[in-house]
């Protein structure tokens, strides 16, 4: 809808077909299962999986703590 309106006002902003999202059509409830992709948990027993998972968790926690600290320093009313 927005892309169509751009063709009237700003034609150079209009996206062609290869850049637009194609939403699949589901004719019945059974077809919905074919569209879903489920994760592959086969590597959950590998140590490399857990090293990456713990690394991401630690980095996320550090980032959160640093953001809270930075926000506290910006508050001039904090007593």
PDB file of N, CA and C in Angstrom:
ATOM      1  N   UNK A   1       0.817  -1.178   0.000  1.00  0.00           N
ATOM      2  CA  UNK A   1       0.000   0.000   0.000  1.00  0.00           C
ATOM      3  C   UNK A   1       0.875   1.262   0.000  1.00  0.00           C
ATOM      4  N   UNK A   2       1.881   1.286   0.846  1.00  0.00           N
ATOM      5  CA  UNK A   2       2.780   2.440   0.891  1.00  0.00           C
ATOM      6  C   UNK A   2       3.598   2.499  -0.392  1.00  0.00           C
ATOM      7  N   UNK A   3       4.043   1.325  -0.854  1.00  0.00           N
ATOM      8  CA  UNK A   3       4.817   1.275  -2.086  1.00  0.00           C
ATOM      9  C   UNK A   3       3.995   1.792  -3.264  1.00  0.00           C
ATOM     10  N   UNK A   4       2.707   1.493  -3.292  1.00  0.00           N
ATOM     11  CA  UNK A   4       1.834   1.975  -4.359  1.00  0.00           C
ATOM     12  C   UNK A   4       1.663   3.486  -4.285  1.00  0.00           C
ATOM     13  N   UNK A   5       1.553   4.019  -3.086  1.00  0.00           N
ATOM     14  CA  UNK A   5       1.423   5.474  -2.960  1.00  0.00           C
ATOM     15  C   UNK A   5       2.705   6.179  -3.379  1.00  0.00           C
ATOM     16  N   UNK A   6       3.853   5.532  -3.165  1.00  0.00           N
ATOM     17  CA  UNK A   6       5.113   6.131  -3.621  1.00  0.00           C
ATOM     18  C   UNK A   6       5.148   6.261  -5.133  1.00  0.00           C
ATOM     19  N   UNK A   7       4.484   5.364  -5.841  1.00  0.00           N
ATOM     20  CA  UNK A   7       4.512   5.440  -7.300  1.00  0.00           C
ATOM     21  C   UNK A   7       3.843   6.717  -7.801  1.00  0.00           C
ATOM     22  N   UNK A   8       2.956   7.321  -7.013  1.00  0.00           N
ATOM     23  CA  UNK A   8       2.318   8.572  -7.399  1.00  0.00           C
ATOM     24  C   UNK A   8       3.139   9.789  -6.993  1.00  0.00           C
ATOM     25  N   UNK A   9       3.695   9.779  -5.778  1.00  0.00           N
ATOM     26  CA  UNK A   9       4.374  10.958  -5.247  1.00  0.00           C
ATOM     27  C   UNK A   9       5.886  10.941  -5.479  1.00  0.00           C
ATOM     28  N   UNK A  10       6.503   9.812  -5.219  1.00  0.00           N
ATOM     29  CA  UNK A  10       7.961   9.695  -5.359  1.00  0.00           C
ATOM     30  C   UNK A  10       8.281   8.406  -6.120  1.00  0.00           C
ATOM     31  N   UNK A  11       8.163   8.402  -7.440  1.00  0.00           N
ATOM     32  CA  UNK A  11       8.384   7.161  -8.201  1.00  0.00           C
ATOM     33  C   UNK A  11       9.768   6.552  -8.004  1.00  0.00           C
ATOM     34  N   UNK A  12      10.773   7.370  -7.701  1.00  0.00           N
ATOM     35  CA  UNK A  12      12.124   6.825  -7.512  1.00  0.00           C
ATOM     36  C   UNK A  12      12.246   6.024  -6.218  1.00  0.00           C
ATOM     37  N   UNK A  13      11.288   6.163  -5.310  1.00  0.00           N
ATOM     38  CA  UNK A  13      11.290   5.408  -4.061  1.00  0.00           C
ATOM     39  C   UNK A  13      10.567   4.069  -4.192  1.00  0.00           C
ATOM     40  N   UNK A  14       9.876   3.827  -5.272  1.00  0.00           N
ATOM     41  CA  UNK A  14       9.087   2.609  -5.451  1.00  0.00           C
ATOM     42  C   UNK A  14      10.007   1.397  -5.550  1.00  0.00           C
ATOM     43  N   UNK A  15       9.672   0.353  -4.817  1.00  0.00           N
ATOM     44  CA  UNK A  15      10.439  -0.886  -4.837  1.00  0.00           C
ATOM     45  C   UNK A  15       9.875  -1.822  -5.889  1.00  0.00           C
ATOM     46  N   UNK A  16      10.761  -2.548  -6.583  1.00  0.00           N
ATOM     47  CA  UNK A  16      10.272  -3.534  -7.529  1.00  0.00           C
ATOM     48  C   UNK A  16      10.095  -4.882  -6.836  1.00  0.00           C
ATOM     49  N   UNK A  17       9.588  -5.864  -7.555  1.00  0.00           N
ATOM     50  CA  UNK A  17       9.170  -7.143  -6.977  1.00  0.00           C
ATOM     51  C   UNK A  17      10.219  -7.895  -6.191  1.00  0.00           C
ATOM     52  N   UNK A  18      11.487  -7.834  -6.588  1.00  0.00           N
ATOM     53  CA  UNK A  18      12.510  -8.621  -5.886  1.00  0.00           C
ATOM     54  C   UNK A  18      12.808  -8.078  -4.487  1.00  0.00           C
ATOM     55  N   UNK A  19      12.414  -6.845  -4.197  1.00  0.00           N
ATOM     56  CA  UNK A  19      12.681  -6.243  -2.891  1.00  0.00           C
ATOM     57  C   UNK A  19      11.464  -6.242  -1.969  1.00  0.00           C
ATOM     58  N   UNK A  20      10.344  -6.718  -2.445  1.00  0.00           N
ATOM     59  CA  UNK A  20       9.133  -6.752  -1.640  1.00  0.00           C
ATOM     60  C   UNK A  20       9.006  -8.086  -0.925  1.00  0.00           C
ATOM     61  N   UNK A  21       8.361  -8.106   0.221  1.00  0.00           N
ATOM     62  CA  UNK A  21       8.139  -9.331   0.981  1.00  0.00           C
ATOM     63  C   UNK A  21       6.951 -10.069   0.380  1.00  0.00           C
ATOM     64  N   UNK A  22       7.131 -11.356   0.140  1.00  0.00           N
ATOM     65  CA  UNK A  22       6.053 -12.181  -0.374  1.00  0.00           C
ATOM     66  C   UNK A  22       5.491 -12.999   0.771  1.00  0.00           C
ATOM     67  N   UNK A  23       4.231 -12.794   1.082  1.00  0.00           N
ATOM     68  CA  UNK A  23       3.575 -13.529   2.161  1.00  0.00           C
ATOM     69  C   UNK A  23       2.877 -14.739   1.549  1.00  0.00           C
ATOM     70  N   UNK A  24       3.249 -15.945   1.999  1.00  0.00           N
ATOM     71  CA  UNK A  24       2.639 -17.139   1.415  1.00  0.00           C
ATOM     72  C   UNK A  24       1.150 -17.235   1.748  1.00  0.00           C
ATOM     73  N   UNK A  25       0.403 -17.837   0.843  1.00  0.00           N
ATOM     74  CA  UNK A  25      -1.030 -18.008   1.024  1.00  0.00           C
ATOM     75  C   UNK A  25      -1.298 -19.382   1.613  1.00  0.00           C
ATOM     76  N   UNK A  26      -2.118 -19.425   2.647  1.00  0.00           N
ATOM     77  CA  UNK A  26      -2.479 -20.686   3.296  1.00  0.00           C
ATOM     78  C   UNK A  26      -3.955 -20.942   2.995  1.00  0.00           C
ATOM     79  N   UNK A  27      -4.215 -22.059   2.300  1.00  0.00           N
ATOM     80  CA  UNK A  27      -5.602 -22.350   1.931  1.00  0.00           C
ATOM     81  C   UNK A  27      -6.330 -23.139   3.012  1.00  0.00           C
ATOM     82  N   UNK A  28      -5.582 -23.910   3.817  1.00  0.00           N
ATOM     83  CA  UNK A  28      -6.221 -24.638   4.916  1.00  0.00           C
ATOM     84  C   UNK A  28      -5.246 -24.744   6.082  1.00  0.00           C
ATOM     85  N   UNK A  29      -5.738 -25.239   7.191  1.00  0.00           N
ATOM     86  CA  UNK A  29      -4.931 -25.307   8.415  1.00  0.00           C
ATOM     87  C   UNK A  29      -3.751 -26.265   8.263  1.00  0.00           C
ATOM     88  N   UNK A  30      -3.892 -27.293   7.460  1.00  0.00           N
ATOM     89  CA  UNK A  30      -2.811 -28.258   7.255  1.00  0.00           C
ATOM     90  C   UNK A  30      -1.606 -27.661   6.556  1.00  0.00           C
ATOM     91  N   UNK A  31      -1.834 -26.688   5.680  1.00  0.00           N
ATOM     92  CA  UNK A  31      -0.721 -26.045   4.983  1.00  0.00           C
ATOM     93  C   UNK A  31       0.125 -25.185   5.904  1.00  0.00           C
ATOM     94  N   UNK A  32      -0.438 -24.764   7.019  1.00  0.00           N
ATOM     95  CA  UNK A  32       0.284 -23.918   7.945  1.00  0.00           C
ATOM     96  C   UNK A  32       1.509 -24.634   8.519  1.00  0.00           C
ATOM     97  N   UNK A  33       1.403 -25.924   8.752  1.00  0.00           N
ATOM     98  CA  UNK A  33       2.527 -26.688   9.282  1.00  0.00           C
ATOM     99  C   UNK A  33       3.705 -26.732   8.339  1.00  0.00           C
ATOM    100  N   UNK A  34       3.464 -26.676   7.034  1.00  0.00           N
ATOM    101  CA  UNK A  34       4.550 -26.692   6.056  1.00  0.00           C
ATOM    102  C   UNK A  34       5.320 -25.368   6.031  1.00  0.00           C
ATOM    103  N   UNK A  35       4.717 -24.305   6.524  1.00  0.00           N
ATOM    104  CA  UNK A  35       5.371 -23.000   6.521  1.00  0.00           C
ATOM    105  C   UNK A  35       6.243 -22.764   7.748  1.00  0.00           C
ATOM    106  N   UNK A  36       6.042 -23.531   8.806  1.00  0.00           N
ATOM    107  CA  UNK A  36       6.792 -23.339  10.040  1.00  0.00           C
ATOM    108  C   UNK A  36       8.110 -24.099   9.993  1.00  0.00           C
ATOM    109  N   UNK A  37       9.156 -23.477  10.483  1.00  0.00           N
ATOM    110  CA  UNK A  37      10.465 -24.111  10.578  1.00  0.00           C
ATOM    111  C   UNK A  37      10.811 -24.259  12.051  1.00  0.00           C
ATOM    112  N   UNK A  38      11.170 -25.451  12.447  1.00  0.00           N
ATOM    113  CA  UNK A  38      11.491 -25.706  13.845  1.00  0.00           C
ATOM    114  C   UNK A  38      12.999 -25.784  14.024  1.00  0.00           C
ATOM    115  N   UNK A  39      13.512 -25.373  15.171  1.00  0.00           N
ATOM    116  CA  UNK A  39      14.965 -25.385  15.394  1.00  0.00           C
ATOM    117  C   UNK A  39      15.523 -26.803  15.470  1.00  0.00           C
ATOM    118  N   UNK A  40      16.790 -26.904  15.126  1.00  0.00           N
ATOM    119  CA  UNK A  40      17.499 -28.177  15.193  1.00  0.00           C
ATOM    120  C   UNK A  40      18.294 -28.203  16.495  1.00  0.00           C
ATOM    121  N   UNK A  41      17.883 -29.065  17.420  1.00  0.00           N
ATOM    122  CA  UNK A  41      18.536 -29.140  18.728  1.00  0.00           C
ATOM    123  C   UNK A  41      19.588 -30.250  18.791  1.00  0.00           C
ATOM    124  N   UNK A  42      20.094 -30.690  17.656  1.00  0.00           N
ATOM    125  CA  UNK A  42      21.043 -31.806  17.651  1.00  0.00           C
ATOM    126  C   UNK A  42      22.393 -31.438  18.271  1.00  0.00           C
ATOM    127  N   UNK A  43      22.740 -30.172  18.310  1.00  0.00           N
ATOM    128  CA  UNK A  43      24.036 -29.763  18.861  1.00  0.00           C
ATOM    129  C   UNK A  43      23.974 -29.368  20.328  1.00  0.00           C
ATOM    130  N   UNK A  44      22.854 -29.587  20.986  1.00  0.00           N
ATOM    131  CA  UNK A  44      22.701 -29.128  22.363  1.00  0.00           C
ATOM    132  C   UNK A  44      23.629 -29.885  23.333  1.00  0.00           C
ATOM    133  N   UNK A  45      24.065 -31.054  22.950  1.00  0.00           N
ATOM    134  CA  UNK A  45      24.962 -31.830  23.815  1.00  0.00           C
ATOM    135  C   UNK A  45      26.433 -31.495  23.576  1.00  0.00           C
ATOM    136  N   UNK A  46      26.727 -30.685  22.575  1.00  0.00           N
ATOM    137  CA  UNK A  46      28.114 -30.334  22.261  1.00  0.00           C
ATOM    138  C   UNK A  46      28.607 -29.220  23.183  1.00  0.00           C
ATOM    139  N   UNK A  47      29.871 -29.292  23.561  1.00  0.00           N
ATOM    140  CA  UNK A  47      30.429 -28.274  24.451  1.00  0.00           C
ATOM    141  C   UNK A  47      30.565 -26.927  23.754  1.00  0.00           C
ATOM    142  N   UNK A  48      30.817 -26.931  22.451  1.00  0.00           N
ATOM    143  CA  UNK A  48      30.956 -25.668  21.726  1.00  0.00           C
ATOM    144  C   UNK A  48      29.645 -24.876  21.744  1.00  0.00           C
ATOM    145  N   UNK A  49      28.519 -25.573  21.742  1.00  0.00           N
ATOM    146  CA  UNK A  49      27.215 -24.915  21.843  1.00  0.00           C
ATOM    147  C   UNK A  49      27.101 -24.165  23.161  1.00  0.00           C
ATOM    148  N   UNK A  50      27.485 -24.823  24.247  1.00  0.00           N
ATOM    149  CA  UNK A  50      27.359 -24.211  25.570  1.00  0.00           C
ATOM    150  C   UNK A  50      28.356 -23.081  25.780  1.00  0.00           C
ATOM    151  N   UNK A  51      29.539 -23.175  25.179  1.00  0.00           N
ATOM    152  CA  UNK A  51      30.508 -22.079  25.272  1.00  0.00           C
ATOM    153  C   UNK A  51      29.922 -20.825  24.623  1.00  0.00           C
ATOM    154  N   UNK A  52      29.334 -20.987  23.458  1.00  0.00           N
ATOM    155  CA  UNK A  52      28.730 -19.846  22.764  1.00  0.00           C
ATOM    156  C   UNK A  52      27.527 -19.321  23.539  1.00  0.00           C
ATOM    157  N   UNK A  53      26.678 -20.210  24.052  1.00  0.00           N
ATOM    158  CA  UNK A  53      25.484 -19.788  24.796  1.00  0.00           C
ATOM    159  C   UNK A  53      25.859 -19.010  26.047  1.00  0.00           C
ATOM    160  N   UNK A  54      26.844 -19.490  26.803  1.00  0.00           N
ATOM    161  CA  UNK A  54      27.261 -18.803  28.024  1.00  0.00           C
ATOM    162  C   UNK A  54      27.941 -17.478  27.684  1.00  0.00           C
ATOM    163  N   UNK A  55      28.731 -17.465  26.609  1.00  0.00           N
ATOM    164  CA  UNK A  55      29.383 -16.227  26.186  1.00  0.00           C
ATOM    165  C   UNK A  55      28.348 -15.160  25.845  1.00  0.00           C
ATOM    166  N   UNK A  56      27.325 -15.530  25.089  1.00  0.00           N
ATOM    167  CA  UNK A  56      26.270 -14.572  24.750  1.00  0.00           C
ATOM    168  C   UNK A  56      25.516 -14.099  25.986  1.00  0.00           C
ATOM    169  N   UNK A  57      25.273 -15.004  26.923  1.00  0.00           N
ATOM    170  CA  UNK A  57      24.567 -14.620  28.151  1.00  0.00           C
ATOM    171  C   UNK A  57      25.400 -13.647  28.981  1.00  0.00           C
ATOM    172  N   UNK A  58      26.692 -13.884  29.088  1.00  0.00           N
ATOM    173  CA  UNK A  58      27.567 -13.001  29.866  1.00  0.00           C
ATOM    174  C   UNK A  58      27.670 -11.633  29.203  1.00  0.00           C
ATOM    175  N   UNK A  59      27.862 -11.619  27.881  1.00  0.00           N
ATOM    176  CA  UNK A  59      27.954 -10.340  27.174  1.00  0.00           C
ATOM    177  C   UNK A  59      26.652  -9.559  27.311  1.00  0.00           C
ATOM    178  N   UNK A  60      25.512 -10.240  27.205  1.00  0.00           N
ATOM    179  CA  UNK A  60      24.226  -9.567  27.367  1.00  0.00           C
ATOM    180  C   UNK A  60      24.046  -9.000  28.761  1.00  0.00           C
ATOM    181  N   UNK A  61      24.487  -9.743  29.768  1.00  0.00           N
ATOM    182  CA  UNK A  61      24.368  -9.261  31.144  1.00  0.00           C
ATOM    183  C   UNK A  61      25.274  -8.062  31.396  1.00  0.00           C
ATOM    184  N   UNK A  62      26.492  -8.113  30.892  1.00  0.00           N
ATOM    185  CA  UNK A  62      27.416  -6.986  31.055  1.00  0.00           C
ATOM    186  C   UNK A  62      26.864  -5.747  30.354  1.00  0.00           C
ATOM    187  N   UNK A  63      26.326  -5.936  29.142  1.00  0.00           N
ATOM    188  CA  UNK A  63      25.758  -4.802  28.404  1.00  0.00           C
ATOM    189  C   UNK A  63      24.598  -4.183  29.173  1.00  0.00           C
ATOM    190  N   UNK A  64      23.765  -5.000  29.780  1.00  0.00           N
ATOM    191  CA  UNK A  64      22.636  -4.493  30.560  1.00  0.00           C
ATOM    192  C   UNK A  64      23.116  -3.707  31.771  1.00  0.00           C
ATOM    193  N   UNK A  65      24.083  -4.240  32.482  1.00  0.00           N
ATOM    194  CA  UNK A  65      24.609  -3.548  33.655  1.00  0.00           C
ATOM    195  C   UNK A  65      25.271  -2.218  33.286  1.00  0.00           C
ATOM    196  N   UNK A  66      25.997  -2.200  32.164  1.00  0.00           N
ATOM    197  CA  UNK A  66      26.625  -0.958  31.724  1.00  0.00           C
ATOM    198  C   UNK A  66      25.579   0.073  31.301  1.00  0.00           C
ATOM    199  N   UNK A  67      24.491  -0.386  30.687  1.00  0.00           N
ATOM    200  CA  UNK A  67      23.421   0.535  30.301  1.00  0.00           C
ATOM    201  C   UNK A  67      22.734   1.139  31.519  1.00  0.00           C
ATOM    202  N   UNK A  68      22.509   0.330  32.537  1.00  0.00           N
ATOM    203  CA  UNK A  68      21.894   0.830  33.771  1.00  0.00           C
ATOM    204  C   UNK A  68      22.822   1.837  34.444  1.00  0.00           C
ATOM    205  N   UNK A  69      24.101   1.537  34.465  1.00  0.00           N
ATOM    206  CA  UNK A  69      25.071   2.453  35.071  1.00  0.00           C
ATOM    207  C   UNK A  69      25.119   3.774  34.305  1.00  0.00           C
ATOM    208  N   UNK A  70      25.109   3.706  32.980  1.00  0.00           N
ATOM    209  CA  UNK A  70      25.127   4.928  32.174  1.00  0.00           C
ATOM    210  C   UNK A  70      23.850   5.736  32.376  1.00  0.00           C
ATOM    211  N   UNK A  71      22.703   5.068  32.451  1.00  0.00           N
ATOM    212  CA  UNK A  71      21.444   5.784  32.673  1.00  0.00           C
ATOM    213  C   UNK A  71      21.419   6.430  34.053  1.00  0.00           C
ATOM    214  N   UNK A  72      21.984   5.771  35.066  1.00  0.00           N
ATOM    215  CA  UNK A  72      22.055   6.360  36.413  1.00  0.00           C
ATOM    216  C   UNK A  72      22.936   7.607  36.420  1.00  0.00           C
ATOM    217  N   UNK A  73      23.991   7.603  35.643  1.00  0.00           N
ATOM    218  CA  UNK A  73      24.878   8.769  35.606  1.00  0.00           C
ATOM    219  C   UNK A  73      24.248   9.948  34.877  1.00  0.00           C
ATOM    220  N   UNK A  74      23.286   9.678  34.000  1.00  0.00           N
ATOM    221  CA  UNK A  74      22.621  10.769  33.279  1.00  0.00           C
ATOM    222  C   UNK A  74      21.567  11.470  34.131  1.00  0.00           C
ATOM    223  N   UNK A  75      21.097  10.826  35.184  1.00  0.00           N
ATOM    224  CA  UNK A  75      20.041  11.385  36.031  1.00  0.00           C
ATOM    225  C   UNK A  75      20.640  12.401  37.003  1.00  0.00           C
ATOM    226  N   UNK A  76      20.421  13.676  36.729  1.00  0.00           N
ATOM    227  CA  UNK A  76      20.999  14.718  37.574  1.00  0.00           C
ATOM    228  C   UNK A  76      20.208  14.887  38.876  1.00  0.00           C
ATOM    229  N   UNK A  77      18.984  14.408  38.955  1.00  0.00           N
ATOM    230  CA  UNK A  77      18.145  14.534  40.146  1.00  0.00           C
ATOM    231  C   UNK A  77      18.397  13.429  41.163  1.00  0.00           C
ATOM    232  N   UNK A  78      19.188  12.430  40.791  1.00  0.00           N
ATOM    233  CA  UNK A  78      19.403  11.291  41.686  1.00  0.00           C
ATOM    234  C   UNK A  78      20.200  11.768  42.908  1.00  0.00           C
ATOM    235  N   UNK A  79      19.700  11.412  44.069  1.00  0.00           N
ATOM    236  CA  UNK A  79      20.316  11.899  45.292  1.00  0.00           C
ATOM    237  C   UNK A  79      21.181  10.913  45.884  1.00  0.00           C
TER     238      UNK A  79
END
